Amino acid sequence: MLGADEGGRPATPMDPRARLGPSSPGRRDHGGELSPLSDGAAAPVVTRRARAEELGSWAVAVPGSPGQVAGPDDSLHSAPEPARRGTGRSAVHCAVAESG
């Protein structure tokens, strides 16, 4: 549990924050309420399983069989399912899917 705000404004008094305008027209929130860049930040660490265990961590994902799909139209997001079926594996065995 954190004992202090690690954001860029821990010492900024509330009065200046209260005078900030809304983040966009019609909104009630303002810059004084916005999260610092570190909120929700994450970085993957790629290492050997043995090294992760040495550090007291665990494997979240393990590389398996790579696959790629692409399409010249808006069917791209429906393309991973036929690709998965082609592997002969059930959806339960597919731990990570990326679409982008």
C-alpha atoms as a PDB file:
ATOM      1  CA  MET A   1       0.000   0.000   0.000  1.00  0.00           C
ATOM      2  CA  LEU A   2       1.282   3.461  -0.869  1.00  0.00           C
ATOM      3  CA  GLY A   3       1.775   5.984   1.900  1.00  0.00           C
ATOM      4  CA  ALA A   4       2.169   9.043  -0.310  1.00  0.00           C
ATOM      5  CA  ASP A   5       1.087  10.412  -3.676  1.00  0.00           C
ATOM      6  CA  GLU A   6       3.803   9.593  -6.207  1.00  0.00           C
ATOM      7  CA  GLY A   7       2.264  11.947  -8.769  1.00  0.00           C
ATOM      8  CA  GLY A   8       3.796  15.179  -9.978  1.00  0.00           C
ATOM      9  CA  ARG A   9       1.644  17.398  -7.728  1.00  0.00           C
ATOM     10  CA  PRO A  10       1.910  16.018  -4.168  1.00  0.00           C
ATOM     11  CA  ALA A  11       2.719  19.431  -2.658  1.00  0.00           C
ATOM     12  CA  THR A  12       0.277  21.520  -4.720  1.00  0.00           C
ATOM     13  CA  PRO A  13      -2.333  23.158  -2.447  1.00  0.00           C
ATOM     14  CA  MET A  14      -6.023  22.577  -3.173  1.00  0.00           C
ATOM     15  CA  ASP A  15      -6.859  26.274  -3.805  1.00  0.00           C
ATOM     16  CA  PRO A  16      -4.971  26.550  -7.136  1.00  0.00           C
ATOM     17  CA  ARG A  17      -6.417  23.204  -8.208  1.00  0.00           C
ATOM     18  CA  ALA A  18      -9.944  24.409  -7.428  1.00  0.00           C
ATOM     19  CA  ARG A  19      -9.487  27.422  -9.735  1.00  0.00           C
ATOM     20  CA  LEU A  20      -8.669  25.280 -12.772  1.00  0.00           C
ATOM     21  CA  GLY A  21     -11.314  25.197 -15.482  1.00  0.00           C
ATOM     22  CA  PRO A  22     -13.073  22.050 -16.704  1.00  0.00           C
ATOM     23  CA  SER A  23     -11.111  19.541 -18.770  1.00  0.00           C
ATOM     24  CA  SER A  24     -13.469  20.197 -21.699  1.00  0.00           C
ATOM     25  CA  PRO A  25     -16.667  22.235 -22.243  1.00  0.00           C
ATOM     26  CA  GLY A  26     -19.617  20.955 -20.249  1.00  0.00           C
ATOM     27  CA  ARG A  27     -17.466  18.789 -17.971  1.00  0.00           C
ATOM     28  CA  ARG A  28     -17.237  19.107 -14.205  1.00  0.00           C
ATOM     29  CA  ASP A  29     -13.801  17.534 -13.784  1.00  0.00           C
ATOM     30  CA  HIS A  30     -10.628  19.572 -14.129  1.00  0.00           C
ATOM     31  CA  GLY A  31      -6.859  19.193 -14.279  1.00  0.00           C
ATOM     32  CA  GLY A  32      -6.536  19.104 -10.489  1.00  0.00           C
ATOM     33  CA  GLU A  33      -8.433  15.815 -10.444  1.00  0.00           C
ATOM     34  CA  LEU A  34      -6.611  14.115 -13.295  1.00  0.00           C
ATOM     35  CA  SER A  35      -4.445  11.101 -12.592  1.00  0.00           C
ATOM     36  CA  PRO A  36      -0.687  11.333 -13.033  1.00  0.00           C
ATOM     37  CA  LEU A  37       0.867   9.451 -15.935  1.00  0.00           C
ATOM     38  CA  SER A  38       1.891   6.630 -13.616  1.00  0.00           C
ATOM     39  CA  ASP A  39      -1.731   5.611 -12.895  1.00  0.00           C
ATOM     40  CA  GLY A  40      -2.444   2.400 -14.707  1.00  0.00           C
ATOM     41  CA  ALA A  41       1.052   2.234 -16.157  1.00  0.00           C
ATOM     42  CA  ALA A  42       2.433  -1.223 -16.834  1.00  0.00           C
ATOM     43  CA  ALA A  43       5.459  -2.709 -18.498  1.00  0.00           C
ATOM     44  CA  PRO A  44       5.915  -6.331 -19.532  1.00  0.00           C
ATOM     45  CA  VAL A  45       9.011  -8.145 -18.361  1.00  0.00           C
ATOM     46  CA  VAL A  46      10.235 -10.896 -20.637  1.00  0.00           C
ATOM     47  CA  THR A  47      12.490 -13.440 -18.984  1.00  0.00           C
ATOM     48  CA  ARG A  48      13.017 -17.142 -18.454  1.00  0.00           C
ATOM     49  CA  ARG A  49      10.567 -18.923 -16.157  1.00  0.00           C
ATOM     50  CA  ALA A  50      13.432 -19.935 -13.839  1.00  0.00           C
ATOM     51  CA  ARG A  51      14.566 -16.313 -13.461  1.00  0.00           C
ATOM     52  CA  ALA A  52      11.016 -15.166 -12.699  1.00  0.00           C
ATOM     53  CA  GLU A  53      10.786 -17.815  -9.978  1.00  0.00           C
ATOM     54  CA  GLU A  54      14.172 -16.721  -8.569  1.00  0.00           C
ATOM     55  CA  LEU A  55      12.718 -13.235  -8.220  1.00  0.00           C
ATOM     56  CA  GLY A  56       9.562 -14.548  -6.545  1.00  0.00           C
ATOM     57  CA  SER A  57       7.367 -13.919  -9.580  1.00  0.00           C
ATOM     58  CA  TRP A  58       5.461 -16.176 -11.946  1.00  0.00           C
ATOM     59  CA  ALA A  59       4.720 -16.598 -15.634  1.00  0.00           C
ATOM     60  CA  VAL A  60       1.671 -14.700 -16.844  1.00  0.00           C
ATOM     61  CA  ALA A  61       2.018 -15.825 -20.441  1.00  0.00           C
ATOM     62  CA  VAL A  62       4.158 -18.394 -22.186  1.00  0.00           C
ATOM     63  CA  PRO A  63       4.931 -18.109 -25.912  1.00  0.00           C
ATOM     64  CA  GLY A  64       3.191 -20.802 -27.904  1.00  0.00           C
ATOM     65  CA  SER A  65       2.486 -21.011 -31.589  1.00  0.00           C
ATOM     66  CA  PRO A  66       2.551 -17.613 -33.288  1.00  0.00           C
ATOM     67  CA  GLY A  67      -0.091 -16.705 -35.818  1.00  0.00           C
ATOM     68  CA  GLN A  68      -1.020 -13.677 -37.850  1.00  0.00           C
ATOM     69  CA  VAL A  69      -4.185 -12.581 -39.552  1.00  0.00           C
ATOM     70  CA  ALA A  70      -4.843  -9.675 -41.859  1.00  0.00           C
ATOM     71  CA  GLY A  71      -7.494  -8.511 -44.220  1.00  0.00           C
ATOM     72  CA  PRO A  72      -8.055  -5.733 -46.727  1.00  0.00           C
ATOM     73  CA  ASP A  73     -11.422  -4.811 -45.172  1.00  0.00           C
ATOM     74  CA  ASP A  74     -13.297  -4.561 -41.858  1.00  0.00           C
ATOM     75  CA  SER A  75     -13.362  -8.347 -41.383  1.00  0.00           C
ATOM     76  CA  LEU A  76      -9.976  -8.234 -39.627  1.00  0.00           C
ATOM     77  CA  HIS A  77     -11.496  -8.511 -36.140  1.00  0.00           C
ATOM     78  CA  SER A  78     -13.405 -11.673 -37.043  1.00  0.00           C
ATOM     79  CA  ALA A  79     -10.299 -13.286 -38.553  1.00  0.00           C
ATOM     80  CA  PRO A  80      -8.647 -14.566 -35.327  1.00  0.00           C
ATOM     81  CA  GLU A  81     -11.362 -17.195 -34.717  1.00  0.00           C
ATOM     82  CA  PRO A  82     -10.760 -19.157 -37.957  1.00  0.00           C
ATOM     83  CA  ALA A  83      -7.025 -18.861 -37.278  1.00  0.00           C
ATOM     84  CA  ARG A  84      -7.525 -20.293 -33.779  1.00  0.00           C
ATOM     85  CA  ARG A  85      -9.633 -23.154 -35.167  1.00  0.00           C
ATOM     86  CA  GLY A  86      -6.804 -23.918 -37.595  1.00  0.00           C
ATOM     87  CA  THR A  87      -4.460 -24.603 -34.669  1.00  0.00           C
ATOM     88  CA  GLY A  88      -6.705 -27.396 -33.414  1.00  0.00           C
ATOM     89  CA  ARG A  89      -6.781 -25.809 -29.961  1.00  0.00           C
ATOM     90  CA  SER A  90      -9.825 -24.785 -27.977  1.00  0.00           C
ATOM     91  CA  ALA A  91     -10.375 -21.168 -26.970  1.00  0.00           C
ATOM     92  CA  VAL A  92      -9.465 -22.214 -23.411  1.00  0.00           C
ATOM     93  CA  HIS A  93      -5.884 -22.853 -24.582  1.00  0.00           C
ATOM     94  CA  CYS A  94      -5.581 -19.382 -26.087  1.00  0.00           C
ATOM     95  CA  ALA A  95      -4.504 -17.261 -23.114  1.00  0.00           C
ATOM     96  CA  VAL A  96      -3.638 -14.046 -24.938  1.00  0.00           C
ATOM     97  CA  ALA A  97      -5.110 -12.569 -28.089  1.00  0.00           C
ATOM     98  CA  GLU A  98      -4.095  -9.212 -29.501  1.00  0.00           C
ATOM     99  CA  SER A  99      -6.097  -7.206 -31.964  1.00  0.00           C
ATOM    100  CA  GLY A 100      -4.791  -3.928 -33.255  1.00  0.00           C
END
